[in-house]
Amino acid sequence: MRILFIDSNELLMYGLANGFKRAGHKVLVSGKIDENTVPRLISYFKPDLIFSEGWGEENDNDWKQELIGKQIRASGIPHIYWAVEDPHFTLDFSLPLILRMKPDFVFTLSEPLVKFYKKLGIRAGHLDFGYEPSVHHPSSNPSLKYKIAVVANGYPDVLKHSPDHYRNQSLRTLIKPLLEENIRIDFWGQNWDKIGDILGVDIPKDWIHGYLPYKKAYKVYNSAQIIIGPQNYKSQVTQRTYEILASGGFLLTSDTDAVRKLFTPGEDLIVSSNPEETLELIRYYLNHPEECKEISEHAIETVSSHSYKKRAKQAIKTLIKEGILK
């Protein structure tokens, strides 16, 4: 099958699209587009299926969403939208986009939202994040350069506007107690210099390294003894959860039902439910690197069932069941 992805977001375009390639399909990713790109690519590539996903440059305003939706509908090719901003931005972004673009089917990260979409007459199914082994994999020659690292964005605006967002609790549990004890964490990602007011403690400037290209993240996961991975929700895990484990990183994350449903604490990763537990775990595992290695190696086997190749196969199976594909 020939599948066209309308995407230029590096956090997404190297994931599910590569999963479809590994599953044996021919895939074309659009990259940045203009008003004529979609019809031109449809004419050239002749896809059997078109995917758009997330919140990126291609769909960041109303007229782009309406234009892309109109152009795809004119082709008669099934259009699938993957709502990776769910559930926090469902009402503000995902749902308005879906109503404008009118895709034939919606995949959402949030399993409970499948019923929400169906009640609105929108055909929907669940599709989680995963990992792509060509991007996230263990390094051939790992060397520990950092004791503790975080690769994520700070999202200060989201945290300020939504104080009840679970990410606030996750940061207070996993990161704040270390900062208060002056235990060094090396941070990669945007806006960590703006998190001090939210956490109540500033991050020293020399601990912050800024933006890290997506394809280089695995190198940090391989070069830190402990990777701290905040969670955004209790009901689902972040994309980086899969990517850190697939890269061979030793992950400390929040103790949630979603994490425990997918992985086994103490065997695949370690989890904390309060600041005191975080400090206890950090101090113990910094002094037991052999246990870190054993757990991270086990995690590589466990996470293998969450590759984007398997997500692609799941998506095709769902679309056939729903009558979108024959």
C-alpha atoms as a PDB file:
ATOM      1  CA  MET A   1       0.000   0.000   0.000  1.00  0.00           C
ATOM      2  CA  ARG A   2       1.108   3.571  -0.684  1.00  0.00           C
ATOM      3  CA  ILE A   3       0.744   5.969   2.255  1.00  0.00           C
ATOM      4  CA  LEU A   4       1.266   9.730   2.220  1.00  0.00           C
ATOM      5  CA  PHE A   5       2.053  11.540   5.488  1.00  0.00           C
ATOM      6  CA  ILE A   6       1.385  15.290   5.627  1.00  0.00           C
ATOM      7  CA  ASP A   7       3.990  16.203   8.203  1.00  0.00           C
ATOM      8  CA  SER A   8       7.264  18.021   8.867  1.00  0.00           C
ATOM      9  CA  ASN A   9       7.370  17.732  12.679  1.00  0.00           C
ATOM     10  CA  GLU A  10      10.510  15.777  13.584  1.00  0.00           C
ATOM     11  CA  LEU A  11       8.881  14.466  16.768  1.00  0.00           C
ATOM     12  CA  LEU A  12       6.341  12.632  14.583  1.00  0.00           C
ATOM     13  CA  MET A  13       7.600  12.246  11.016  1.00  0.00           C
ATOM     14  CA  TYR A  14      10.290   9.712  11.974  1.00  0.00           C
ATOM     15  CA  GLY A  15       7.876   7.562  13.954  1.00  0.00           C
ATOM     16  CA  LEU A  16       4.684   6.062  12.566  1.00  0.00           C
ATOM     17  CA  ALA A  17       5.710   6.708   8.955  1.00  0.00           C
ATOM     18  CA  ASN A  18       8.820   4.552   9.439  1.00  0.00           C
ATOM     19  CA  GLY A  19       6.641   1.952  11.129  1.00  0.00           C
ATOM     20  CA  PHE A  20       4.586   1.621   7.961  1.00  0.00           C
ATOM     21  CA  LYS A  21       7.777   1.312   5.920  1.00  0.00           C
ATOM     22  CA  ARG A  22       9.005  -1.503   8.152  1.00  0.00           C
ATOM     23  CA  ALA A  23       5.609  -3.173   7.759  1.00  0.00           C
ATOM     24  CA  GLY A  24       6.190  -3.310   3.995  1.00  0.00           C
ATOM     25  CA  HIS A  25       4.339  -0.258   2.716  1.00  0.00           C
ATOM     26  CA  LYS A  26       5.618   2.515   0.452  1.00  0.00           C
ATOM     27  CA  VAL A  27       5.621   5.800   2.354  1.00  0.00           C
ATOM     28  CA  LEU A  28       6.158   9.427   1.391  1.00  0.00           C
ATOM     29  CA  VAL A  29       6.454  12.171   4.018  1.00  0.00           C
ATOM     30  CA  SER A  30       5.563  15.615   2.678  1.00  0.00           C
ATOM     31  CA  GLY A  31       7.904  17.780   4.702  1.00  0.00           C
ATOM     32  CA  LYS A  32       7.015  21.485   4.691  1.00  0.00           C
ATOM     33  CA  ILE A  33       4.117  22.289   2.404  1.00  0.00           C
ATOM     34  CA  ASP A  34       2.541  25.230   0.581  1.00  0.00           C
ATOM     35  CA  GLU A  35      -0.929  25.668  -0.905  1.00  0.00           C
ATOM     36  CA  ASN A  36      -0.173  23.421  -3.887  1.00  0.00           C
ATOM     37  CA  THR A  37       1.850  20.668  -2.214  1.00  0.00           C
ATOM     38  CA  VAL A  38      -0.922  18.229  -1.303  1.00  0.00           C
ATOM     39  CA  PRO A  39      -2.548  18.017  -4.790  1.00  0.00           C
ATOM     40  CA  ARG A  40       0.913  17.749  -6.359  1.00  0.00           C
ATOM     41  CA  LEU A  41       1.976  14.911  -4.045  1.00  0.00           C
ATOM     42  CA  ILE A  42      -1.317  13.073  -4.563  1.00  0.00           C
ATOM     43  CA  SER A  43      -0.883  13.293  -8.340  1.00  0.00           C
ATOM     44  CA  TYR A  44       2.761  12.184  -8.181  1.00  0.00           C
ATOM     45  CA  PHE A  45       2.661   9.525  -5.466  1.00  0.00           C
ATOM     46  CA  LYS A  46      -0.896   8.211  -5.989  1.00  0.00           C
ATOM     47  CA  PRO A  47      -1.390   7.164  -2.335  1.00  0.00           C
ATOM     48  CA  ASP A  48      -3.958   4.658  -1.130  1.00  0.00           C
ATOM     49  CA  LEU A  49      -4.112   6.331   2.279  1.00  0.00           C
ATOM     50  CA  ILE A  50      -3.246   9.763   3.662  1.00  0.00           C
ATOM     51  CA  PHE A  51      -2.218  10.463   7.263  1.00  0.00           C
ATOM     52  CA  SER A  52      -2.015  13.826   8.994  1.00  0.00           C
ATOM     53  CA  GLU A  53      -0.995  14.035  12.621  1.00  0.00           C
ATOM     54  CA  GLY A  54      -0.403  16.215  15.614  1.00  0.00           C
ATOM     55  CA  TRP A  55      -0.040  19.942  15.881  1.00  0.00           C
ATOM     56  CA  GLY A  56       2.579  21.199  13.478  1.00  0.00           C
ATOM     57  CA  GLU A  57       3.347  23.819  10.890  1.00  0.00           C
ATOM     58  CA  GLU A  58       1.064  22.108   8.365  1.00  0.00           C
ATOM     59  CA  ASN A  59      -2.089  22.487  10.460  1.00  0.00           C
ATOM     60  CA  ASP A  60      -1.421  25.315  12.907  1.00  0.00           C
ATOM     61  CA  ASN A  61      -4.253  27.577  11.769  1.00  0.00           C
ATOM     62  CA  ASP A  62      -7.842  27.385  10.537  1.00  0.00           C
ATOM     63  CA  TRP A  63      -7.315  28.046   6.843  1.00  0.00           C
ATOM     64  CA  LYS A  64      -4.543  25.457   6.527  1.00  0.00           C
ATOM     65  CA  GLN A  65      -6.759  22.833   8.149  1.00  0.00           C
ATOM     66  CA  GLU A  66      -9.684  23.654   5.881  1.00  0.00           C
ATOM     67  CA  LEU A  67      -7.494  23.720   2.767  1.00  0.00           C
ATOM     68  CA  ILE A  68      -5.797  20.378   3.461  1.00  0.00           C
ATOM     69  CA  GLY A  69      -9.119  18.748   4.308  1.00  0.00           C
ATOM     70  CA  LYS A  70     -10.735  20.068   1.105  1.00  0.00           C
ATOM     71  CA  GLN A  71      -7.804  18.986  -1.066  1.00  0.00           C
ATOM     72  CA  ILE A  72      -7.742  15.454   0.362  1.00  0.00           C
ATOM     73  CA  ARG A  73     -11.537  15.058   0.107  1.00  0.00           C
ATOM     74  CA  ALA A  74     -11.379  16.055  -3.553  1.00  0.00           C
ATOM     75  CA  SER A  75      -9.024  13.139  -4.192  1.00  0.00           C
ATOM     76  CA  GLY A  76     -11.402  10.557  -2.708  1.00  0.00           C
ATOM     77  CA  ILE A  77      -8.493   8.967  -0.807  1.00  0.00           C
ATOM     78  CA  PRO A  78      -9.175   7.967   2.828  1.00  0.00           C
ATOM     79  CA  HIS A  79      -7.771  10.559   5.238  1.00  0.00           C
ATOM     80  CA  ILE A  80      -6.692   9.528   8.740  1.00  0.00           C
ATOM     81  CA  TYR A  81      -5.903  12.015  11.514  1.00  0.00           C
ATOM     82  CA  TRP A  82      -3.825  10.996  14.532  1.00  0.00           C
ATOM     83  CA  ALA A  83      -4.761  13.225  17.483  1.00  0.00           C
ATOM     84  CA  VAL A  84      -1.555  13.181  19.514  1.00  0.00           C
ATOM     85  CA  GLU A  85      -2.490  16.335  21.445  1.00  0.00           C
ATOM     86  CA  ASP A  86      -5.260  14.484  23.300  1.00  0.00           C
ATOM     87  CA  PRO A  87      -6.516  14.722  25.954  1.00  0.00           C
ATOM     88  CA  HIS A  88      -5.306  18.127  27.188  1.00  0.00           C
ATOM     89  CA  PHE A  89      -5.904  19.970  23.907  1.00  0.00           C
ATOM     90  CA  THR A  90      -8.923  17.996  22.680  1.00  0.00           C
ATOM     91  CA  LEU A  91     -11.425  20.841  22.936  1.00  0.00           C
ATOM     92  CA  ASP A  92      -8.984  23.624  22.071  1.00  0.00           C
ATOM     93  CA  PHE A  93      -7.242  21.970  19.122  1.00  0.00           C
ATOM     94  CA  SER A  94      -8.059  18.380  18.154  1.00  0.00           C
ATOM     95  CA  LEU A  95     -11.844  18.650  17.896  1.00  0.00           C
ATOM     96  CA  PRO A  96     -11.921  22.006  16.029  1.00  0.00           C
ATOM     97  CA  LEU A  97      -9.312  20.640  13.586  1.00  0.00           C
ATOM     98  CA  ILE A  98     -11.311  17.452  13.022  1.00  0.00           C
ATOM     99  CA  LEU A  99     -14.490  19.434  12.365  1.00  0.00           C
ATOM    100  CA  ARG A 100     -12.650  21.564   9.799  1.00  0.00           C
ATOM    101  CA  MET A 101     -10.580  18.860   8.091  1.00  0.00           C
ATOM    102  CA  LYS A 102     -13.303  16.196   8.225  1.00  0.00           C
ATOM    103  CA  PRO A 103     -10.983  13.161   8.137  1.00  0.00           C
ATOM    104  CA  ASP A 104     -12.505   9.744   7.443  1.00  0.00           C
ATOM    105  CA  PHE A 105     -11.134   8.330  10.688  1.00  0.00           C
ATOM    106  CA  VAL A 106      -9.453   9.619  13.852  1.00  0.00           C
ATOM    107  CA  PHE A 107      -6.884   7.813  15.969  1.00  0.00           C
ATOM    108  CA  THR A 108      -6.450   9.283  19.453  1.00  0.00           C
ATOM    109  CA  LEU A 109      -3.751   8.738  22.085  1.00  0.00           C
ATOM    110  CA  SER A 110      -6.427   8.765  24.777  1.00  0.00           C
ATOM    111  CA  GLU A 111      -8.390   5.524  24.911  1.00  0.00           C
ATOM    112  CA  PRO A 112     -11.302   7.047  26.910  1.00  0.00           C
ATOM    113  CA  LEU A 113     -11.768   9.680  24.177  1.00  0.00           C
ATOM    114  CA  VAL A 114     -12.705   7.066  21.581  1.00  0.00           C
ATOM    115  CA  LYS A 115     -16.238   6.997  23.030  1.00  0.00           C
ATOM    116  CA  PHE A 116     -16.279  10.814  23.174  1.00  0.00           C
ATOM    117  CA  TYR A 117     -15.538  11.091  19.459  1.00  0.00           C
ATOM    118  CA  LYS A 118     -17.997   8.336  18.529  1.00  0.00           C
ATOM    119  CA  LYS A 119     -20.795  10.090  20.411  1.00  0.00           C
ATOM    120  CA  LEU A 120     -20.155  13.108  18.192  1.00  0.00           C
ATOM    121  CA  GLY A 121     -20.477  10.946  15.088  1.00  0.00           C
ATOM    122  CA  ILE A 122     -16.721  10.881  14.478  1.00  0.00           C
ATOM    123  CA  ARG A 123     -15.283   7.469  13.616  1.00  0.00           C
ATOM    124  CA  ALA A 124     -12.389   6.867  15.986  1.00  0.00           C
ATOM    125  CA  GLY A 125      -9.998   4.338  17.505  1.00  0.00           C
ATOM    126  CA  HIS A 126      -7.075   4.220  19.921  1.00  0.00           C
ATOM    127  CA  LEU A 127      -3.437   4.383  18.766  1.00  0.00           C
ATOM    128  CA  ASP A 128      -0.626   4.991  21.241  1.00  0.00           C
ATOM    129  CA  PHE A 129       2.872   6.349  20.775  1.00  0.00           C
ATOM    130  CA  GLY A 130       5.706   3.886  20.220  1.00  0.00           C
ATOM    131  CA  TYR A 131       9.341   3.999  19.152  1.00  0.00           C
ATOM    132  CA  GLU A 132      11.316   3.676  15.915  1.00  0.00           C
ATOM    133  CA  PRO A 133      14.444   1.487  16.309  1.00  0.00           C
ATOM    134  CA  SER A 134      16.442   3.353  13.651  1.00  0.00           C
ATOM    135  CA  VAL A 135      16.134   6.525  15.758  1.00  0.00           C
ATOM    136  CA  HIS A 136      16.089   5.195  19.321  1.00  0.00           C
ATOM    137  CA  HIS A 137      18.448   2.345  20.058  1.00  0.00           C
ATOM    138  CA  PRO A 138      21.323   1.522  22.421  1.00  0.00           C
ATOM    139  CA  SER A 139      24.657   3.098  21.544  1.00  0.00           C
ATOM    140  CA  SER A 140      27.398   0.757  20.357  1.00  0.00           C
ATOM    141  CA  ASN A 141      29.946   2.374  22.670  1.00  0.00           C
ATOM    142  CA  PRO A 142      28.082   3.885  25.627  1.00  0.00           C
ATOM    143  CA  SER A 143      30.011   5.887  28.190  1.00  0.00           C
ATOM    144  CA  LEU A 144      28.503   7.511  31.257  1.00  0.00           C
ATOM    145  CA  LYS A 145      28.984  11.267  31.084  1.00  0.00           C
ATOM    146  CA  TYR A 146      26.093  12.352  33.313  1.00  0.00           C
ATOM    147  CA  LYS A 147      24.660  11.030  36.545  1.00  0.00           C
ATOM    148  CA  ILE A 148      21.088  12.270  36.056  1.00  0.00           C
ATOM    149  CA  ALA A 149      19.519  13.742  32.922  1.00  0.00           C
ATOM    150  CA  VAL A 150      16.195  15.039  31.644  1.00  0.00           C
ATOM    151  CA  VAL A 151      15.307  15.312  27.954  1.00  0.00           C
ATOM    152  CA  ALA A 152      11.976  17.125  27.670  1.00  0.00           C
ATOM    153  CA  ASN A 153      10.505  20.577  27.248  1.00  0.00           C
ATOM    154  CA  GLY A 154       9.549  22.660  30.257  1.00  0.00           C
ATOM    155  CA  TYR A 155       6.105  23.804  28.987  1.00  0.00           C
ATOM    156  CA  PRO A 156       5.829  26.673  31.507  1.00  0.00           C
ATOM    157  CA  ASP A 157       2.749  28.159  29.796  1.00  0.00           C
ATOM    158  CA  VAL A 158       0.799  24.907  30.023  1.00  0.00           C
ATOM    159  CA  LEU A 159       1.806  24.389  33.646  1.00  0.00           C
ATOM    160  CA  LYS A 160       0.858  27.939  34.656  1.00  0.00           C
ATOM    161  CA  HIS A 161      -2.486  27.930  32.867  1.00  0.00           C
ATOM    162  CA  SER A 162      -3.375  24.422  34.037  1.00  0.00           C
ATOM    163  CA  PRO A 163      -2.121  24.001  37.630  1.00  0.00           C
ATOM    164  CA  ASP A 164      -4.070  20.732  37.954  1.00  0.00           C
ATOM    165  CA  HIS A 165      -2.311  19.207  34.931  1.00  0.00           C
ATOM    166  CA  TYR A 166      -0.637  15.971  36.076  1.00  0.00           C
ATOM    167  CA  ARG A 167       2.707  17.109  34.671  1.00  0.00           C
ATOM    168  CA  ASN A 168       2.901  19.637  37.525  1.00  0.00           C
ATOM    169  CA  GLN A 169       2.663  16.835  40.055  1.00  0.00           C
ATOM    170  CA  SER A 170       5.159  14.716  38.116  1.00  0.00           C
ATOM    171  CA  LEU A 171       7.751  17.519  38.120  1.00  0.00           C
ATOM    172  CA  ARG A 172       7.224  18.184  41.823  1.00  0.00           C
ATOM    173  CA  THR A 173       7.700  14.497  42.563  1.00  0.00           C
ATOM    174  CA  LEU A 174      10.651  13.726  40.287  1.00  0.00           C
ATOM    175  CA  ILE A 175      12.624  16.928  39.818  1.00  0.00           C
ATOM    176  CA  LYS A 176      11.902  19.452  42.569  1.00  0.00           C
ATOM    177  CA  PRO A 177      13.292  17.344  45.462  1.00  0.00           C
ATOM    178  CA  LEU A 178      16.618  16.906  43.662  1.00  0.00           C
ATOM    179  CA  LEU A 179      16.901  20.627  42.972  1.00  0.00           C
ATOM    180  CA  GLU A 180      16.161  21.397  46.611  1.00  0.00           C
ATOM    181  CA  GLU A 181      18.972  19.047  47.656  1.00  0.00           C
ATOM    182  CA  ASN A 182      21.290  20.556  45.015  1.00  0.00           C
ATOM    183  CA  ILE A 183      21.624  17.178  43.298  1.00  0.00           C
ATOM    184  CA  ARG A 184      22.704  17.969  39.767  1.00  0.00           C
ATOM    185  CA  ILE A 185      20.393  17.195  36.858  1.00  0.00           C
ATOM    186  CA  ASP A 186      21.486  17.928  33.282  1.00  0.00           C
ATOM    187  CA  PHE A 187      18.537  19.288  31.293  1.00  0.00           C
ATOM    188  CA  TRP A 188      17.980  19.214  27.535  1.00  0.00           C
ATOM    189  CA  GLY A 189      14.921  20.848  25.995  1.00  0.00           C
ATOM    190  CA  GLN A 190      13.258  24.235  25.823  1.00  0.00           C
ATOM    191  CA  ASN A 191      12.182  26.676  28.541  1.00  0.00           C
ATOM    192  CA  TRP A 192      13.713  25.039  31.611  1.00  0.00           C
ATOM    193  CA  ASP A 193      15.008  28.492  32.545  1.00  0.00           C
ATOM    194  CA  LYS A 194      11.367  29.569  32.987  1.00  0.00           C
ATOM    195  CA  ILE A 195      10.323  26.795  35.362  1.00  0.00           C
ATOM    196  CA  GLY A 196      11.709  28.286  38.602  1.00  0.00           C
ATOM    197  CA  ASP A 197       8.497  30.126  39.547  1.00  0.00           C
ATOM    198  CA  ILE A 198       6.455  26.973  38.980  1.00  0.00           C
ATOM    199  CA  LEU A 199       8.693  24.622  40.962  1.00  0.00           C
ATOM    200  CA  GLY A 200       9.610  27.172  43.604  1.00  0.00           C
ATOM    201  CA  VAL A 201      13.325  26.581  42.995  1.00  0.00           C
ATOM    202  CA  ASP A 202      15.523  27.747  40.125  1.00  0.00           C
ATOM    203  CA  ILE A 203      17.602  25.452  37.955  1.00  0.00           C
ATOM    204  CA  PRO A 204      21.255  26.562  37.803  1.00  0.00           C
ATOM    205  CA  LYS A 205      22.052  27.934  34.346  1.00  0.00           C
ATOM    206  CA  ASP A 206      25.004  25.636  33.789  1.00  0.00           C
ATOM    207  CA  TRP A 207      22.725  22.606  34.229  1.00  0.00           C
ATOM    208  CA  ILE A 208      20.596  23.654  31.234  1.00  0.00           C
ATOM    209  CA  HIS A 209      21.815  22.648  27.764  1.00  0.00           C
ATOM    210  CA  GLY A 210      18.878  23.787  25.619  1.00  0.00           C
ATOM    211  CA  TYR A 211      17.424  22.254  22.474  1.00  0.00           C
ATOM    212  CA  LEU A 212      18.524  18.736  21.536  1.00  0.00           C
ATOM    213  CA  PRO A 213      17.872  17.468  17.983  1.00  0.00           C
ATOM    214  CA  TYR A 214      15.400  14.598  18.080  1.00  0.00           C
ATOM    215  CA  LYS A 215      17.714  12.122  16.385  1.00  0.00           C
ATOM    216  CA  LYS A 216      20.480  12.801  18.926  1.00  0.00           C
ATOM    217  CA  ALA A 217      18.381  12.167  22.031  1.00  0.00           C
ATOM    218  CA  TYR A 218      19.351   8.501  22.210  1.00  0.00           C
ATOM    219  CA  LYS A 219      22.967   9.544  22.839  1.00  0.00           C
ATOM    220  CA  VAL A 220      21.953  11.286  26.069  1.00  0.00           C
ATOM    221  CA  TYR A 221      19.763   8.340  27.083  1.00  0.00           C
ATOM    222  CA  ASN A 222      22.844   6.141  26.666  1.00  0.00           C
ATOM    223  CA  SER A 223      25.242   8.455  28.460  1.00  0.00           C
ATOM    224  CA  ALA A 224      23.368   9.129  31.710  1.00  0.00           C
ATOM    225  CA  GLN A 225      23.148   6.720  34.621  1.00  0.00           C
ATOM    226  CA  ILE A 226      19.560   7.770  35.375  1.00  0.00           C
ATOM    227  CA  ILE A 227      17.062   9.407  33.009  1.00  0.00           C
ATOM    228  CA  ILE A 228      14.152  11.199  34.657  1.00  0.00           C
ATOM    229  CA  GLY A 229      11.012  11.061  32.509  1.00  0.00           C
ATOM    230  CA  PRO A 230       8.045  13.158  33.699  1.00  0.00           C
ATOM    231  CA  GLN A 231       4.557  11.930  32.803  1.00  0.00           C
ATOM    232  CA  ASN A 232       1.728  14.110  31.504  1.00  0.00           C
ATOM    233  CA  TYR A 233      -1.226  11.938  32.481  1.00  0.00           C
ATOM    234  CA  LYS A 234      -2.083   9.057  34.787  1.00  0.00           C
ATOM    235  CA  SER A 235      -3.973   7.288  31.996  1.00  0.00           C
ATOM    236  CA  GLN A 236      -1.292   7.211  29.271  1.00  0.00           C
ATOM    237  CA  VAL A 237       2.481   7.435  28.941  1.00  0.00           C
ATOM    238  CA  THR A 238       4.608   9.933  27.074  1.00  0.00           C
ATOM    239  CA  GLN A 239       6.300   9.255  23.770  1.00  0.00           C
ATOM    240  CA  ARG A 240       9.694   9.540  25.477  1.00  0.00           C
ATOM    241  CA  THR A 241       8.826   6.701  27.853  1.00  0.00           C
ATOM    242  CA  TYR A 242       9.074   4.238  24.969  1.00  0.00           C
ATOM    243  CA  GLU A 243      12.029   6.022  23.381  1.00  0.00           C
ATOM    244  CA  ILE A 244      14.153   6.146  26.544  1.00  0.00           C
ATOM    245  CA  LEU A 245      13.647   2.444  27.240  1.00  0.00           C
ATOM    246  CA  ALA A 246      14.271   1.454  23.607  1.00  0.00           C
ATOM    247  CA  SER A 247      17.532   3.431  23.693  1.00  0.00           C
ATOM    248  CA  GLY A 248      18.747   1.467  26.694  1.00  0.00           C
ATOM    249  CA  GLY A 249      18.175   4.277  29.160  1.00  0.00           C
ATOM    250  CA  PHE A 250      17.568   3.610  32.841  1.00  0.00           C
ATOM    251  CA  LEU A 251      14.285   5.410  33.488  1.00  0.00           C
ATOM    252  CA  LEU A 252      12.868   6.935  36.670  1.00  0.00           C
ATOM    253  CA  THR A 253       9.297   8.064  36.114  1.00  0.00           C
ATOM    254  CA  SER A 254       6.028   8.691  37.943  1.00  0.00           C
ATOM    255  CA  ASP A 255       4.146   5.798  39.482  1.00  0.00           C
ATOM    256  CA  THR A 256       0.939   5.719  37.432  1.00  0.00           C
ATOM    257  CA  ASP A 257      -1.545   3.046  36.407  1.00  0.00           C
ATOM    258  CA  ALA A 258      -0.561   3.525  32.756  1.00  0.00           C
ATOM    259  CA  VAL A 259       3.133   2.946  33.492  1.00  0.00           C
ATOM    260  CA  ARG A 260       2.367  -0.175  35.521  1.00  0.00           C
ATOM    261  CA  LYS A 261       0.016  -1.496  32.830  1.00  0.00           C
ATOM    262  CA  LEU A 262       2.837  -1.427  30.274  1.00  0.00           C
ATOM    263  CA  PHE A 263       5.977  -2.025  32.330  1.00  0.00           C
ATOM    264  CA  THR A 264       7.065  -3.667  35.572  1.00  0.00           C
ATOM    265  CA  PRO A 265       8.721  -1.386  38.165  1.00  0.00           C
ATOM    266  CA  GLY A 266      12.032  -2.822  39.329  1.00  0.00           C
ATOM    267  CA  GLU A 267      12.375  -4.893  36.158  1.00  0.00           C
ATOM    268  CA  ASP A 268      11.931  -2.408  33.275  1.00  0.00           C
ATOM    269  CA  LEU A 269      12.198   0.952  35.060  1.00  0.00           C
ATOM    270  CA  ILE A 270      11.762   2.514  38.478  1.00  0.00           C
ATOM    271  CA  VAL A 271       8.848   4.623  39.669  1.00  0.00           C
ATOM    272  CA  SER A 272       8.240   7.173  42.400  1.00  0.00           C
ATOM    273  CA  SER A 273       5.020   8.436  43.966  1.00  0.00           C
ATOM    274  CA  ASN A 274       6.420  11.149  46.248  1.00  0.00           C
ATOM    275  CA  PRO A 275       9.514  13.370  46.679  1.00  0.00           C
ATOM    276  CA  GLU A 276      10.964  11.315  49.532  1.00  0.00           C
ATOM    277  CA  GLU A 277      10.786   8.153  47.457  1.00  0.00           C
ATOM    278  CA  THR A 278      12.500   9.934  44.565  1.00  0.00           C
ATOM    279  CA  LEU A 279      15.462  10.912  46.740  1.00  0.00           C
ATOM    280  CA  GLU A 280      15.689   7.403  48.141  1.00  0.00           C
ATOM    281  CA  LEU A 281      15.673   5.824  44.669  1.00  0.00           C
ATOM    282  CA  ILE A 282      18.202   8.292  43.256  1.00  0.00           C
ATOM    283  CA  ARG A 283      20.658   7.724  46.091  1.00  0.00           C
ATOM    284  CA  TYR A 284      20.294   3.956  45.909  1.00  0.00           C
ATOM    285  CA  TYR A 285      20.666   3.539  42.133  1.00  0.00           C
ATOM    286  CA  LEU A 286      23.520   6.026  41.799  1.00  0.00           C
ATOM    287  CA  ASN A 287      25.409   3.633  44.079  1.00  0.00           C
ATOM    288  CA  HIS A 288      24.263   0.476  42.241  1.00  0.00           C
ATOM    289  CA  PRO A 289      25.080   0.963  38.546  1.00  0.00           C
ATOM    290  CA  GLU A 290      25.069  -2.794  37.920  1.00  0.00           C
ATOM    291  CA  GLU A 291      21.373  -2.900  38.844  1.00  0.00           C
ATOM    292  CA  CYS A 292      20.682   0.038  36.525  1.00  0.00           C
ATOM    293  CA  LYS A 293      22.261  -1.877  33.666  1.00  0.00           C
ATOM    294  CA  GLU A 294      20.322  -5.046  34.417  1.00  0.00           C
ATOM    295  CA  ILE A 295      16.994  -3.201  34.501  1.00  0.00           C
ATOM    296  CA  SER A 296      17.663  -1.185  31.335  1.00  0.00           C
ATOM    297  CA  GLU A 297      18.646  -4.329  29.435  1.00  0.00           C
ATOM    298  CA  HIS A 298      15.419  -6.044  30.479  1.00  0.00           C
ATOM    299  CA  ALA A 299      13.444  -2.987  29.385  1.00  0.00           C
ATOM    300  CA  ILE A 300      14.799  -3.227  25.835  1.00  0.00           C
ATOM    301  CA  GLU A 301      13.121  -6.633  25.510  1.00  0.00           C
ATOM    302  CA  THR A 302       9.848  -5.454  27.058  1.00  0.00           C
ATOM    303  CA  VAL A 303       9.528  -2.302  24.965  1.00  0.00           C
ATOM    304  CA  SER A 304      10.132  -4.200  21.713  1.00  0.00           C
ATOM    305  CA  SER A 305       6.400  -4.951  21.560  1.00  0.00           C
ATOM    306  CA  HIS A 306       5.736  -1.209  21.219  1.00  0.00           C
ATOM    307  CA  SER A 307       7.603  -0.471  17.982  1.00  0.00           C
ATOM    308  CA  TYR A 308       5.961   1.745  15.374  1.00  0.00           C
ATOM    309  CA  LYS A 309       5.960  -1.234  13.008  1.00  0.00           C
ATOM    310  CA  LYS A 310       3.534  -2.915  15.404  1.00  0.00           C
ATOM    311  CA  ARG A 311       1.556   0.323  15.772  1.00  0.00           C
ATOM    312  CA  ALA A 312       1.271   0.496  11.954  1.00  0.00           C
ATOM    313  CA  LYS A 313      -0.038  -3.056  11.797  1.00  0.00           C
ATOM    314  CA  GLN A 314      -2.529  -2.217  14.536  1.00  0.00           C
ATOM    315  CA  ALA A 315      -3.685   0.865  12.605  1.00  0.00           C
ATOM    316  CA  ILE A 316      -4.206  -1.135   9.396  1.00  0.00           C
ATOM    317  CA  LYS A 317      -6.127  -3.835  11.268  1.00  0.00           C
ATOM    318  CA  THR A 318      -8.396  -1.182  12.820  1.00  0.00           C
ATOM    319  CA  LEU A 319      -8.998   0.564   9.483  1.00  0.00           C
ATOM    320  CA  ILE A 320      -9.942  -2.719   7.822  1.00  0.00           C
ATOM    321  CA  LYS A 321     -12.297  -3.579  10.685  1.00  0.00           C
ATOM    322  CA  GLU A 322     -13.898  -0.135  10.409  1.00  0.00           C
ATOM    323  CA  GLY A 323     -14.357  -0.481   6.652  1.00  0.00           C
ATOM    324  CA  ILE A 324     -11.969   2.348   5.777  1.00  0.00           C
ATOM    325  CA  LEU A 325      -9.680  -0.093   3.971  1.00  0.00           C
ATOM    326  CA  LYS A 326     -10.494  -3.335   2.201  1.00  0.00           C
END
